[in-house]
Structures are given as C-alpha cells and as structure tokens.
C-alpha cells in the first residue's frame, strides 16, 4: 500500500511576485516564454522555462517544491499537461489552484508516475493541515498513464465550492469544499524517498466559468 508522507513544503527559491492578472479572462500558458512564473535553482532543485515547457527537477529526497504564475482565478476549468521524464516513479506531481502565496494555502491535485492520485488541500504550507479531500490519501487509478515520457492531462472543474477532478478525461474524484474561493495557479513536484524526479509541464489553461 502506498504511503503518504506528511512533509514540510518548501517553495522554490526565486523572485517573490504578487498575484496579479487572470480574473474573468481565459488564460493559456504555453511556456514559450518565462512570463511571471517563478524560476530558480539551488543544490536541491532546478526550475526553468525552456524548450516550450516548465522543467522542474527535485534532486533532494523527501522534498516538495512548487512554483506559481502570479495570477488570480476563482471559478473555472483548470487544465495542465504533465510528463515525467526522469527519476523514480514513486513520486507526486501536478497542479495547484486557488493558491494564497502569503499563507501557503491551496488546493492540490497530483498524480504519481506509478499510477496514483491525490486530491486535497494544504494550509500554511502543510504545517497546520494536510488533508485529503477525496478518499484517505493516495488512490490507485487506471486513469493515470504510468512510466516515463508519458503525457498526463489533469483537469479540474471548479465552480464555487464544487470541484470535479479528471485525469486524461476520466473522472477520479469530486468534492464540495469552500476553504478557498480564489487565488493563484501553480505546478508541484514531490519526491517520496528518492530524489531525481524531473517533470515537464505544458499548456496550463484556465477557462473562467461565467455566472
């Protein structure tokens, strides 16, 4: 049985950017240019926009790293493509949405290279609350394309407190939760015992739901 590790979340060391933009306009990030995404590197992590993707490598063991876009959205359809290109398959990677960068609060939707899904919310970077919102934590799912160099598309339909989660157009969970109603978007990679996990992200889109 896959074990979930409750670890401290570390944000990528880079320029601090206040959330701006987004709102009621459709958004598409193709990563053809860095934009306002946070980038940087140190002994444990490398994150950069290159060759039309956001390339995020976590070299350290038992570490979680994220980057955000300096945008703000509420109700909408959130979609991103993610491809693990290196490292052990026992990992986690995916998207954040409704991120409060000041308090490190957000909803998290991630998959693993060996075919699991995790849906939940973090408060205060996980120091106060790390809570799965669907199931008891990691859930095995045949919707995930496993292994290296396979593309997975993550999608969330988030209308107010109602959220439905999809992997490769297959529903993997739904929940009603009103902890966070708007915020930034982000990308996340975590290592769960062994480092060297590299994931490339592309085509992050948000289509606002008009009221």
N, C-alpha and C. Protein backbone atom coordinates (compact mmCIF):
# COMPACT_ATOMS: atom_id res chain seq x y z
N UNK A 1 0.85 -1.20 0.00
CA UNK A 1 0.00 0.00 0.00
C UNK A 1 0.88 1.24 0.00
N UNK A 2 0.57 2.17 -0.87
CA UNK A 2 1.36 3.39 -0.99
C UNK A 2 1.21 4.23 0.27
N UNK A 3 2.31 4.77 0.75
CA UNK A 3 2.30 5.56 1.97
C UNK A 3 2.44 7.04 1.66
N UNK A 4 1.59 7.86 2.26
CA UNK A 4 1.68 9.31 2.10
C UNK A 4 2.59 9.88 3.17
N UNK A 5 3.57 10.66 2.76
CA UNK A 5 4.50 11.26 3.71
C UNK A 5 4.08 12.70 3.98
N UNK A 6 3.80 13.00 5.24
CA UNK A 6 3.46 14.37 5.63
C UNK A 6 4.76 15.11 5.87
N UNK A 7 5.16 15.93 4.90
CA UNK A 7 6.43 16.62 5.00
C UNK A 7 6.23 18.12 4.85
N UNK A 8 7.20 18.87 5.26
CA UNK A 8 7.15 20.32 5.14
C UNK A 8 7.29 20.70 3.68
N UNK A 9 6.46 21.61 3.22
CA UNK A 9 6.51 22.09 1.85
C UNK A 9 7.45 23.27 1.76
N UNK A 10 8.31 23.25 0.77
CA UNK A 10 9.26 24.33 0.55
C UNK A 10 8.95 24.97 -0.80
N UNK A 11 8.76 26.27 -0.82
CA UNK A 11 8.55 26.95 -2.10
C UNK A 11 9.89 27.19 -2.77
N UNK A 12 9.90 27.18 -4.09
CA UNK A 12 11.12 27.33 -4.86
C UNK A 12 11.77 28.69 -4.57
N UNK A 13 13.09 28.70 -4.41
CA UNK A 13 13.81 29.93 -4.13
C UNK A 13 13.90 30.75 -5.41
N UNK A 14 13.25 31.92 -5.42
CA UNK A 14 13.19 32.73 -6.62
C UNK A 14 12.61 34.08 -6.30
N UNK A 15 12.38 34.89 -7.30
CA UNK A 15 11.79 36.19 -7.10
C UNK A 15 10.39 36.08 -6.54
N UNK A 16 10.08 36.86 -5.51
CA UNK A 16 8.72 36.89 -4.98
C UNK A 16 7.86 37.79 -5.84
N UNK A 17 6.73 37.28 -6.29
CA UNK A 17 5.85 38.03 -7.16
C UNK A 17 4.46 38.06 -6.57
N UNK A 18 3.85 39.22 -6.53
CA UNK A 18 2.48 39.34 -6.05
C UNK A 18 1.53 38.84 -7.12
N UNK A 19 0.43 38.22 -6.68
CA UNK A 19 -0.56 37.71 -7.63
C UNK A 19 -1.22 38.86 -8.37
N UNK A 20 -1.32 38.74 -9.68
CA UNK A 20 -1.97 39.76 -10.48
C UNK A 20 -2.45 39.10 -11.75
N UNK A 21 -3.31 39.78 -12.51
CA UNK A 21 -3.79 39.22 -13.76
C UNK A 21 -4.78 38.11 -13.53
N UNK A 22 -5.22 37.51 -14.65
CA UNK A 22 -6.19 36.43 -14.54
C UNK A 22 -7.59 36.98 -14.53
N UNK A 23 -8.36 36.68 -13.48
CA UNK A 23 -9.71 37.20 -13.35
C UNK A 23 -10.68 36.48 -14.24
N UNK A 24 -11.45 37.25 -15.03
CA UNK A 24 -12.52 36.67 -15.83
C UNK A 24 -12.11 36.40 -17.27
N UNK A 25 -10.84 36.54 -17.59
CA UNK A 25 -10.38 36.31 -18.95
C UNK A 25 -9.76 34.91 -19.09
N UNK A 26 -10.01 34.23 -20.21
CA UNK A 26 -9.36 32.93 -20.43
C UNK A 26 -7.84 33.08 -20.38
N UNK A 27 -7.18 32.05 -19.90
CA UNK A 27 -5.73 32.09 -19.72
C UNK A 27 -5.13 30.82 -20.33
N UNK A 28 -4.04 30.98 -21.08
CA UNK A 28 -3.31 29.84 -21.61
C UNK A 28 -1.82 30.11 -21.49
N UNK A 29 -1.12 29.23 -20.81
CA UNK A 29 0.33 29.32 -20.69
C UNK A 29 0.97 28.17 -21.47
N UNK A 30 1.68 28.52 -22.55
CA UNK A 30 2.35 27.52 -23.38
C UNK A 30 3.83 27.39 -23.05
N UNK A 31 4.31 28.22 -22.16
CA UNK A 31 5.71 28.21 -21.72
C UNK A 31 6.68 28.43 -22.87
N UNK A 32 6.25 29.23 -23.86
CA UNK A 32 7.17 29.64 -24.91
C UNK A 32 8.07 30.78 -24.43
N UNK A 33 7.68 31.41 -23.32
CA UNK A 33 8.48 32.46 -22.69
C UNK A 33 8.30 32.32 -21.18
N UNK A 34 9.26 32.80 -20.37
CA UNK A 34 9.18 32.62 -18.93
C UNK A 34 7.96 33.25 -18.28
N UNK A 35 7.48 34.40 -18.83
CA UNK A 35 6.36 35.07 -18.20
C UNK A 35 6.70 35.46 -16.77
N UNK A 36 5.72 35.33 -15.87
CA UNK A 36 5.94 35.69 -14.48
C UNK A 36 6.05 34.47 -13.57
N UNK A 37 6.21 33.30 -14.16
CA UNK A 37 6.41 32.10 -13.35
C UNK A 37 7.71 32.21 -12.58
N UNK A 38 7.69 31.73 -11.36
CA UNK A 38 8.90 31.74 -10.55
C UNK A 38 9.86 30.66 -11.02
N UNK A 39 11.13 31.03 -11.17
CA UNK A 39 12.15 30.09 -11.58
C UNK A 39 13.37 30.24 -10.67
N UNK A 40 14.23 29.24 -10.66
CA UNK A 40 15.44 29.32 -9.85
C UNK A 40 16.06 27.96 -9.67
N UNK A 41 17.22 27.93 -9.01
CA UNK A 41 17.89 26.66 -8.77
C UNK A 41 18.78 26.77 -7.56
N UNK A 42 19.00 25.63 -6.92
CA UNK A 42 19.98 25.51 -5.85
C UNK A 42 20.42 24.06 -5.78
N UNK A 43 21.01 23.65 -4.69
CA UNK A 43 21.54 22.30 -4.59
C UNK A 43 20.46 21.22 -4.64
N UNK A 44 19.22 21.59 -4.27
CA UNK A 44 18.14 20.61 -4.17
C UNK A 44 17.16 20.63 -5.32
N UNK A 45 17.10 21.72 -6.08
CA UNK A 45 16.03 21.88 -7.06
C UNK A 45 16.46 22.75 -8.22
N UNK A 46 15.89 22.48 -9.39
CA UNK A 46 16.05 23.33 -10.56
C UNK A 46 14.69 23.54 -11.19
N UNK A 47 14.36 24.77 -11.49
CA UNK A 47 13.09 25.08 -12.15
C UNK A 47 13.29 26.16 -13.19
N UNK A 48 12.98 25.85 -14.44
CA UNK A 48 13.17 26.83 -15.50
C UNK A 48 12.19 26.60 -16.64
N UNK A 49 11.93 27.65 -17.38
CA UNK A 49 11.13 27.56 -18.60
C UNK A 49 12.09 27.44 -19.77
N UNK A 50 11.99 26.33 -20.51
CA UNK A 50 12.88 26.12 -21.65
C UNK A 50 12.21 25.18 -22.64
N UNK A 51 12.49 25.38 -23.90
CA UNK A 51 12.02 24.49 -24.97
C UNK A 51 10.50 24.28 -24.92
N UNK A 52 9.77 25.31 -24.52
CA UNK A 52 8.32 25.26 -24.55
C UNK A 52 7.66 24.51 -23.42
N UNK A 53 8.40 24.25 -22.31
CA UNK A 53 7.83 23.59 -21.14
C UNK A 53 8.38 24.26 -19.89
N UNK A 54 7.69 24.03 -18.76
CA UNK A 54 8.30 24.34 -17.47
C UNK A 54 8.93 23.05 -16.98
N UNK A 55 10.25 23.08 -16.83
CA UNK A 55 11.03 21.91 -16.45
C UNK A 55 11.37 22.03 -14.96
N UNK A 56 10.85 21.10 -14.16
CA UNK A 56 11.03 21.16 -12.71
C UNK A 56 11.67 19.87 -12.22
N UNK A 57 12.88 20.00 -11.66
CA UNK A 57 13.65 18.86 -11.16
C UNK A 57 13.85 19.00 -9.65
N UNK A 58 13.46 17.97 -8.90
CA UNK A 58 13.71 17.91 -7.47
C UNK A 58 14.79 16.85 -7.24
N UNK A 59 15.96 17.31 -6.81
CA UNK A 59 17.10 16.41 -6.63
C UNK A 59 17.13 15.79 -5.24
N UNK A 60 16.59 16.47 -4.25
CA UNK A 60 16.64 16.01 -2.87
C UNK A 60 15.60 14.92 -2.62
N UNK A 61 15.86 14.12 -1.59
CA UNK A 61 14.89 13.12 -1.14
C UNK A 61 13.84 13.79 -0.26
N UNK A 62 12.62 13.25 -0.28
CA UNK A 62 11.56 13.70 0.63
C UNK A 62 11.38 15.21 0.64
N UNK A 63 11.21 15.79 -0.53
CA UNK A 63 11.04 17.24 -0.64
C UNK A 63 9.92 17.55 -1.62
N UNK A 64 9.17 18.59 -1.33
CA UNK A 64 8.11 19.06 -2.22
C UNK A 64 8.39 20.50 -2.61
N UNK A 65 8.32 20.77 -3.91
CA UNK A 65 8.63 22.09 -4.46
C UNK A 65 7.49 22.54 -5.36
N UNK A 66 7.16 23.83 -5.25
CA UNK A 66 6.16 24.35 -6.18
C UNK A 66 6.58 25.71 -6.73
N UNK A 67 5.96 26.09 -7.83
CA UNK A 67 6.13 27.40 -8.43
C UNK A 67 4.76 27.93 -8.81
N UNK A 68 4.60 29.25 -8.82
CA UNK A 68 3.31 29.86 -9.13
C UNK A 68 3.47 30.89 -10.25
N UNK A 69 2.32 31.34 -10.78
CA UNK A 69 2.30 32.12 -12.02
C UNK A 69 2.03 33.60 -11.83
N UNK A 70 1.74 34.05 -10.60
CA UNK A 70 1.38 35.44 -10.34
C UNK A 70 0.08 35.82 -11.05
N UNK A 71 -0.94 34.96 -10.90
CA UNK A 71 -2.26 35.20 -11.45
C UNK A 71 -3.29 35.00 -10.35
N UNK A 72 -4.55 35.25 -10.65
CA UNK A 72 -5.61 35.00 -9.68
C UNK A 72 -6.89 34.61 -10.41
N UNK A 73 -7.46 33.47 -10.01
CA UNK A 73 -8.68 32.95 -10.63
C UNK A 73 -9.59 32.41 -9.54
N UNK A 74 -10.87 32.34 -9.85
CA UNK A 74 -11.85 31.74 -8.95
C UNK A 74 -12.47 30.53 -9.60
N UNK A 75 -13.78 30.61 -9.92
CA UNK A 75 -14.44 29.50 -10.59
C UNK A 75 -13.93 29.37 -12.02
N UNK A 76 -13.60 28.12 -12.41
CA UNK A 76 -13.09 27.92 -13.75
C UNK A 76 -12.73 26.47 -14.00
N UNK A 77 -12.37 26.19 -15.24
CA UNK A 77 -11.86 24.88 -15.63
C UNK A 77 -10.35 25.01 -15.76
N UNK A 78 -9.64 24.26 -14.93
CA UNK A 78 -8.18 24.32 -14.86
C UNK A 78 -7.62 23.07 -15.53
N UNK A 79 -6.66 23.25 -16.46
CA UNK A 79 -6.10 22.10 -17.17
C UNK A 79 -4.59 22.28 -17.34
N UNK A 80 -3.85 21.17 -17.23
CA UNK A 80 -2.41 21.20 -17.48
C UNK A 80 -1.96 19.83 -17.96
N UNK A 81 -0.92 19.81 -18.80
CA UNK A 81 -0.30 18.58 -19.25
C UNK A 81 1.00 18.38 -18.48
N UNK A 82 1.25 17.16 -18.01
CA UNK A 82 2.44 16.87 -17.21
C UNK A 82 3.08 15.58 -17.71
N UNK A 83 4.42 15.60 -17.84
CA UNK A 83 5.16 14.45 -18.33
C UNK A 83 6.38 14.23 -17.44
N UNK A 84 6.44 13.10 -16.76
CA UNK A 84 7.66 12.78 -16.02
C UNK A 84 8.70 12.25 -17.01
N UNK A 85 9.90 12.84 -16.97
CA UNK A 85 10.93 12.45 -17.93
C UNK A 85 12.13 11.78 -17.26
N UNK A 86 12.20 11.80 -15.93
CA UNK A 86 13.33 11.16 -15.27
C UNK A 86 12.99 10.90 -13.80
N UNK A 87 13.70 9.94 -13.22
CA UNK A 87 13.59 9.69 -11.79
C UNK A 87 12.69 8.53 -11.42
N UNK A 88 12.64 8.22 -10.12
CA UNK A 88 11.79 7.12 -9.64
C UNK A 88 10.31 7.44 -9.82
N UNK A 89 9.51 6.42 -10.02
CA UNK A 89 8.09 6.59 -10.27
C UNK A 89 7.29 6.79 -8.98
N UNK A 90 7.88 6.51 -7.84
CA UNK A 90 7.23 6.73 -6.54
C UNK A 90 7.39 8.21 -6.20
N UNK A 91 6.43 9.02 -6.62
CA UNK A 91 6.57 10.47 -6.53
C UNK A 91 5.19 11.11 -6.52
N UNK A 92 5.14 12.41 -6.66
CA UNK A 92 3.89 13.12 -6.84
C UNK A 92 4.14 14.37 -7.68
N UNK A 93 3.22 14.66 -8.60
CA UNK A 93 3.36 15.89 -9.40
C UNK A 93 2.00 16.29 -9.94
N UNK A 94 1.82 17.59 -10.15
CA UNK A 94 0.54 18.06 -10.67
C UNK A 94 0.36 19.55 -10.54
N UNK A 95 -0.88 19.95 -10.27
CA UNK A 95 -1.24 21.37 -10.25
C UNK A 95 -1.72 21.82 -8.88
N UNK A 96 -1.55 23.12 -8.64
CA UNK A 96 -2.16 23.82 -7.53
C UNK A 96 -3.16 24.82 -8.11
N UNK A 97 -4.20 25.12 -7.34
CA UNK A 97 -5.10 26.20 -7.74
C UNK A 97 -5.68 26.84 -6.50
N UNK A 98 -6.16 28.08 -6.69
CA UNK A 98 -6.64 28.91 -5.59
C UNK A 98 -5.56 29.04 -4.50
N UNK A 99 -4.37 29.39 -4.96
CA UNK A 99 -3.21 29.49 -4.08
C UNK A 99 -3.17 30.86 -3.41
N UNK A 100 -2.98 30.86 -2.08
CA UNK A 100 -2.67 32.05 -1.32
C UNK A 100 -1.19 31.98 -0.98
N UNK A 101 -0.37 32.74 -1.72
CA UNK A 101 1.08 32.65 -1.55
C UNK A 101 1.55 33.15 -0.19
N UNK A 102 0.83 34.09 0.37
CA UNK A 102 1.26 34.64 1.65
C UNK A 102 1.17 33.60 2.76
N UNK A 103 0.13 32.79 2.73
CA UNK A 103 -0.08 31.80 3.79
C UNK A 103 0.22 30.37 3.36
N UNK A 104 0.60 30.19 2.07
CA UNK A 104 0.83 28.85 1.53
C UNK A 104 -0.39 27.96 1.71
N UNK A 105 -1.56 28.49 1.35
CA UNK A 105 -2.80 27.74 1.33
C UNK A 105 -3.15 27.44 -0.12
N UNK A 106 -3.63 26.23 -0.40
CA UNK A 106 -4.04 25.93 -1.77
C UNK A 106 -4.74 24.58 -1.83
N UNK A 107 -5.44 24.38 -2.96
CA UNK A 107 -5.92 23.05 -3.33
C UNK A 107 -4.83 22.39 -4.18
N UNK A 108 -4.70 21.07 -4.03
CA UNK A 108 -3.67 20.32 -4.70
C UNK A 108 -4.27 19.11 -5.40
N UNK A 109 -3.89 18.94 -6.67
CA UNK A 109 -4.32 17.79 -7.46
C UNK A 109 -3.07 17.20 -8.09
N UNK A 110 -2.68 16.01 -7.66
CA UNK A 110 -1.46 15.42 -8.20
C UNK A 110 -1.63 13.94 -8.50
N UNK A 111 -0.74 13.46 -9.34
CA UNK A 111 -0.66 12.05 -9.70
C UNK A 111 0.76 11.57 -9.40
N UNK A 112 0.98 10.28 -9.59
CA UNK A 112 2.33 9.74 -9.43
C UNK A 112 2.70 8.94 -10.67
N UNK A 113 4.00 8.75 -10.86
CA UNK A 113 4.47 8.00 -12.02
C UNK A 113 4.09 6.54 -12.01
N UNK A 114 3.70 6.03 -10.82
CA UNK A 114 3.30 4.62 -10.74
C UNK A 114 1.79 4.44 -10.61
N UNK A 115 1.01 5.50 -10.93
CA UNK A 115 -0.42 5.30 -11.12
C UNK A 115 -1.33 5.61 -9.95
N UNK A 116 -1.01 6.64 -9.18
CA UNK A 116 -1.86 7.04 -8.06
C UNK A 116 -2.30 8.49 -8.20
N UNK A 117 -3.36 8.84 -7.47
CA UNK A 117 -3.94 10.19 -7.48
C UNK A 117 -4.05 10.68 -6.04
N UNK A 118 -3.80 11.97 -5.83
CA UNK A 118 -4.01 12.58 -4.52
C UNK A 118 -4.72 13.91 -4.72
N UNK A 119 -5.83 14.11 -4.01
CA UNK A 119 -6.65 15.32 -4.10
C UNK A 119 -6.83 15.86 -2.69
N UNK A 120 -6.45 17.10 -2.47
CA UNK A 120 -6.59 17.62 -1.11
C UNK A 120 -6.33 19.11 -1.02
N UNK A 121 -6.16 19.55 0.21
CA UNK A 121 -5.87 20.96 0.46
C UNK A 121 -4.75 21.05 1.49
N UNK A 122 -3.98 22.13 1.37
CA UNK A 122 -2.90 22.42 2.30
C UNK A 122 -3.18 23.77 2.96
N UNK A 123 -2.90 23.84 4.23
CA UNK A 123 -2.96 25.12 4.94
C UNK A 123 -1.59 25.41 5.53
N UNK A 124 -1.16 26.66 5.38
CA UNK A 124 0.11 27.08 5.97
C UNK A 124 1.24 26.16 5.55
N UNK A 125 1.30 25.85 4.27
CA UNK A 125 2.36 25.00 3.76
C UNK A 125 2.35 23.61 4.31
N UNK A 126 1.22 23.17 4.82
CA UNK A 126 1.13 21.83 5.37
C UNK A 126 1.46 21.76 6.84
N UNK A 127 1.87 22.87 7.44
CA UNK A 127 2.24 22.84 8.85
C UNK A 127 1.03 22.72 9.75
N UNK A 128 -0.08 23.34 9.35
CA UNK A 128 -1.29 23.28 10.17
C UNK A 128 -2.21 22.15 9.75
N UNK A 129 -2.31 21.93 8.46
CA UNK A 129 -3.27 20.93 7.98
C UNK A 129 -2.86 20.39 6.62
N UNK A 130 -2.70 19.09 6.51
CA UNK A 130 -2.52 18.40 5.24
C UNK A 130 -3.66 17.41 5.16
N UNK A 131 -4.64 17.73 4.33
CA UNK A 131 -5.88 16.96 4.39
C UNK A 131 -6.31 16.47 3.02
N UNK A 132 -6.40 15.16 2.82
CA UNK A 132 -7.01 14.66 1.58
C UNK A 132 -8.51 14.96 1.60
N UNK A 133 -9.03 15.38 0.46
CA UNK A 133 -10.46 15.69 0.36
C UNK A 133 -11.24 14.58 -0.33
N UNK A 134 -10.55 13.68 -0.99
CA UNK A 134 -11.19 12.54 -1.64
C UNK A 134 -10.45 11.29 -1.17
N UNK A 135 -11.16 10.34 -0.58
CA UNK A 135 -10.52 9.14 -0.07
C UNK A 135 -9.68 9.44 1.15
N UNK A 136 -8.74 8.54 1.42
CA UNK A 136 -7.88 8.67 2.60
C UNK A 136 -6.49 9.15 2.25
N UNK A 137 -6.26 9.53 1.02
CA UNK A 137 -4.94 9.97 0.60
C UNK A 137 -4.66 9.50 -0.82
N UNK A 138 -3.53 8.83 -1.03
CA UNK A 138 -3.21 8.33 -2.36
C UNK A 138 -4.19 7.22 -2.77
N UNK A 139 -4.72 7.35 -3.98
CA UNK A 139 -5.68 6.38 -4.52
C UNK A 139 -5.15 5.85 -5.84
N UNK A 140 -5.08 4.53 -5.97
CA UNK A 140 -4.62 3.96 -7.23
C UNK A 140 -5.68 4.19 -8.31
N UNK A 141 -5.23 4.54 -9.53
CA UNK A 141 -6.18 4.84 -10.60
C UNK A 141 -5.63 4.40 -11.94
N UNK A 142 -6.45 3.69 -12.70
CA UNK A 142 -6.06 3.28 -14.04
C UNK A 142 -6.12 4.42 -15.04
N UNK A 143 -6.64 5.57 -14.61
CA UNK A 143 -6.70 6.73 -15.49
C UNK A 143 -5.31 7.32 -15.76
N UNK A 144 -4.36 7.07 -14.86
CA UNK A 144 -3.02 7.63 -14.98
C UNK A 144 -2.19 6.83 -15.98
N UNK A 145 -1.55 7.53 -16.91
CA UNK A 145 -0.58 6.91 -17.80
C UNK A 145 0.74 6.80 -17.04
N UNK A 146 1.15 5.59 -16.71
CA UNK A 146 2.31 5.39 -15.86
C UNK A 146 3.62 5.39 -16.65
N UNK A 147 4.72 5.50 -15.91
CA UNK A 147 6.05 5.41 -16.51
C UNK A 147 6.58 6.76 -16.95
N UNK A 148 7.79 6.71 -17.53
CA UNK A 148 8.44 7.91 -18.02
C UNK A 148 7.98 8.25 -19.43
N UNK A 149 8.07 9.56 -19.73
CA UNK A 149 7.80 10.08 -21.08
C UNK A 149 6.39 9.78 -21.56
N UNK A 150 5.45 9.72 -20.63
CA UNK A 150 4.03 9.59 -20.98
C UNK A 150 3.30 10.83 -20.49
N UNK A 151 2.49 11.39 -21.36
CA UNK A 151 1.77 12.63 -21.03
C UNK A 151 0.50 12.32 -20.26
N UNK A 152 0.26 13.07 -19.20
CA UNK A 152 -0.99 13.00 -18.46
C UNK A 152 -1.63 14.39 -18.44
N UNK A 153 -2.93 14.43 -18.69
CA UNK A 153 -3.66 15.69 -18.66
C UNK A 153 -4.52 15.73 -17.41
N UNK A 154 -4.27 16.72 -16.58
CA UNK A 154 -5.05 16.92 -15.35
C UNK A 154 -6.04 18.05 -15.58
N UNK A 155 -7.26 17.85 -15.13
CA UNK A 155 -8.30 18.87 -15.29
C UNK A 155 -9.15 18.95 -14.03
N UNK A 156 -9.49 20.16 -13.65
CA UNK A 156 -10.41 20.40 -12.54
C UNK A 156 -11.50 21.34 -13.00
N UNK A 157 -12.74 20.94 -12.80
CA UNK A 157 -13.88 21.84 -12.99
C UNK A 157 -14.26 22.36 -11.61
N UNK A 158 -13.95 23.61 -11.35
CA UNK A 158 -14.14 24.20 -10.02
C UNK A 158 -15.13 25.36 -10.11
N UNK A 159 -16.35 25.10 -9.67
CA UNK A 159 -17.38 26.13 -9.67
C UNK A 159 -17.78 26.41 -8.23
N UNK A 160 -17.36 27.57 -7.74
CA UNK A 160 -17.53 27.91 -6.32
C UNK A 160 -16.94 26.78 -5.47
N UNK A 161 -17.73 26.16 -4.60
CA UNK A 161 -17.21 25.12 -3.71
C UNK A 161 -17.22 23.73 -4.34
N UNK A 162 -17.82 23.58 -5.52
CA UNK A 162 -17.96 22.27 -6.15
C UNK A 162 -16.82 22.02 -7.13
N UNK A 163 -16.10 20.89 -6.94
CA UNK A 163 -14.93 20.59 -7.75
C UNK A 163 -14.98 19.14 -8.24
N UNK A 164 -14.71 18.97 -9.53
CA UNK A 164 -14.63 17.63 -10.14
C UNK A 164 -13.25 17.50 -10.76
N UNK A 165 -12.59 16.36 -10.52
CA UNK A 165 -11.20 16.15 -10.92
C UNK A 165 -11.12 15.05 -11.97
N UNK A 166 -10.31 15.30 -13.00
CA UNK A 166 -10.16 14.36 -14.11
C UNK A 166 -8.68 14.11 -14.39
N UNK A 167 -8.35 12.88 -14.75
CA UNK A 167 -7.05 12.54 -15.32
C UNK A 167 -7.31 11.90 -16.68
N UNK A 168 -6.75 12.54 -17.72
CA UNK A 168 -6.94 12.04 -19.09
C UNK A 168 -8.42 11.84 -19.41
N UNK A 169 -9.22 12.85 -19.01
CA UNK A 169 -10.65 12.91 -19.28
C UNK A 169 -11.47 11.85 -18.55
N UNK A 170 -10.89 11.18 -17.57
CA UNK A 170 -11.62 10.24 -16.73
C UNK A 170 -11.77 10.84 -15.33
N UNK A 171 -12.99 10.87 -14.83
CA UNK A 171 -13.21 11.43 -13.50
C UNK A 171 -12.55 10.54 -12.45
N UNK A 172 -11.81 11.19 -11.54
CA UNK A 172 -11.14 10.45 -10.46
C UNK A 172 -11.58 10.91 -9.08
N UNK A 173 -12.48 11.90 -9.02
CA UNK A 173 -12.98 12.34 -7.73
C UNK A 173 -13.74 13.64 -7.83
N UNK A 174 -14.61 13.87 -6.85
CA UNK A 174 -15.32 15.14 -6.75
C UNK A 174 -15.55 15.46 -5.29
N UNK A 175 -15.64 16.75 -5.01
CA UNK A 175 -15.77 17.18 -3.61
C UNK A 175 -16.43 18.56 -3.58
N UNK A 176 -17.07 18.84 -2.45
CA UNK A 176 -17.56 20.19 -2.18
C UNK A 176 -16.80 20.72 -0.97
N UNK A 177 -16.11 21.84 -1.16
CA UNK A 177 -15.29 22.42 -0.10
C UNK A 177 -15.15 23.92 -0.36
N UNK A 178 -15.35 24.72 0.67
CA UNK A 178 -15.33 26.17 0.49
C UNK A 178 -14.18 26.85 1.23
N UNK A 179 -13.09 26.12 1.48
CA UNK A 179 -11.96 26.70 2.21
C UNK A 179 -11.32 27.86 1.45
N UNK A 180 -11.16 27.72 0.14
CA UNK A 180 -10.50 28.75 -0.67
C UNK A 180 -11.38 29.04 -1.89
N UNK A 181 -11.63 30.31 -2.17
CA UNK A 181 -12.52 30.62 -3.29
C UNK A 181 -11.82 31.24 -4.50
N UNK A 182 -10.57 31.69 -4.34
CA UNK A 182 -9.83 32.21 -5.48
C UNK A 182 -8.35 32.26 -5.13
N UNK A 183 -7.52 32.42 -6.16
CA UNK A 183 -6.09 32.52 -5.91
C UNK A 183 -5.27 32.17 -7.14
N UNK A 184 -3.98 32.04 -6.92
CA UNK A 184 -3.01 31.78 -7.98
C UNK A 184 -3.10 30.33 -8.45
N UNK A 185 -2.38 30.03 -9.52
CA UNK A 185 -2.20 28.67 -10.00
C UNK A 185 -0.74 28.27 -9.85
N UNK A 186 -0.48 26.96 -9.82
CA UNK A 186 0.90 26.54 -9.65
C UNK A 186 1.15 25.14 -10.13
N UNK A 187 2.45 24.78 -10.16
CA UNK A 187 2.93 23.46 -10.52
C UNK A 187 3.70 22.90 -9.34
N UNK A 188 3.63 21.60 -9.13
CA UNK A 188 4.24 21.00 -7.95
C UNK A 188 4.88 19.66 -8.30
N UNK A 189 6.03 19.39 -7.68
CA UNK A 189 6.70 18.09 -7.79
C UNK A 189 7.18 17.72 -6.39
N UNK A 190 6.97 16.45 -6.02
CA UNK A 190 7.47 15.98 -4.73
C UNK A 190 8.21 14.66 -4.90
N UNK A 191 9.24 14.49 -4.09
CA UNK A 191 9.94 13.21 -4.02
C UNK A 191 9.51 12.52 -2.74
N UNK A 192 9.32 11.21 -2.83
CA UNK A 192 8.80 10.44 -1.71
C UNK A 192 9.80 9.36 -1.29
N UNK A 193 11.03 9.78 -1.04
CA UNK A 193 12.04 8.84 -0.57
C UNK A 193 13.31 8.85 -1.38
N UNK A 194 13.20 9.12 -2.68
CA UNK A 194 14.38 9.15 -3.55
C UNK A 194 14.27 10.33 -4.50
N UNK A 195 15.36 11.08 -4.61
CA UNK A 195 15.36 12.28 -5.43
C UNK A 195 15.58 11.99 -6.90
N UNK A 196 15.71 13.07 -7.67
CA UNK A 196 15.95 12.96 -9.10
C UNK A 196 14.71 12.94 -9.95
N UNK A 197 13.57 13.40 -9.41
CA UNK A 197 12.32 13.42 -10.16
C UNK A 197 12.25 14.68 -11.02
N UNK A 198 12.17 14.50 -12.32
CA UNK A 198 12.05 15.61 -13.26
C UNK A 198 10.73 15.50 -14.01
N UNK A 199 9.96 16.59 -13.99
CA UNK A 199 8.66 16.63 -14.66
C UNK A 199 8.61 17.88 -15.53
N UNK A 200 8.06 17.73 -16.70
CA UNK A 200 7.87 18.86 -17.61
C UNK A 200 6.38 19.13 -17.78
N UNK A 201 6.02 20.41 -17.65
CA UNK A 201 4.63 20.84 -17.70
C UNK A 201 4.41 21.72 -18.94
N UNK A 202 3.20 21.62 -19.50
CA UNK A 202 2.88 22.41 -20.69
C UNK A 202 1.38 22.70 -20.72
N UNK A 203 1.04 23.77 -21.44
CA UNK A 203 -0.35 24.11 -21.76
C UNK A 203 -1.25 24.16 -20.52
N UNK A 204 -0.88 25.03 -19.61
CA UNK A 204 -1.72 25.28 -18.43
C UNK A 204 -2.77 26.32 -18.83
N UNK A 205 -4.03 25.90 -18.77
CA UNK A 205 -5.11 26.82 -19.16
C UNK A 205 -6.14 26.94 -18.05
N UNK A 206 -6.77 28.11 -18.01
CA UNK A 206 -7.89 28.34 -17.10
C UNK A 206 -8.99 29.00 -17.92
N UNK A 207 -10.15 28.36 -17.93
CA UNK A 207 -11.32 28.91 -18.61
C UNK A 207 -12.34 29.30 -17.54
N UNK A 208 -12.48 30.61 -17.27
CA UNK A 208 -13.39 31.02 -16.21
C UNK A 208 -14.82 30.58 -16.48
N UNK A 209 -15.53 30.25 -15.43
CA UNK A 209 -16.95 29.93 -15.52
C UNK A 209 -17.73 31.21 -15.29
N UNK A 210 -18.44 31.63 -16.31
CA UNK A 210 -19.19 32.87 -16.24
C UNK A 210 -20.50 32.66 -15.50
N UNK A 211 -20.82 33.55 -14.59
CA UNK A 211 -22.05 33.47 -13.80
C UNK A 211 -23.18 34.21 -14.53
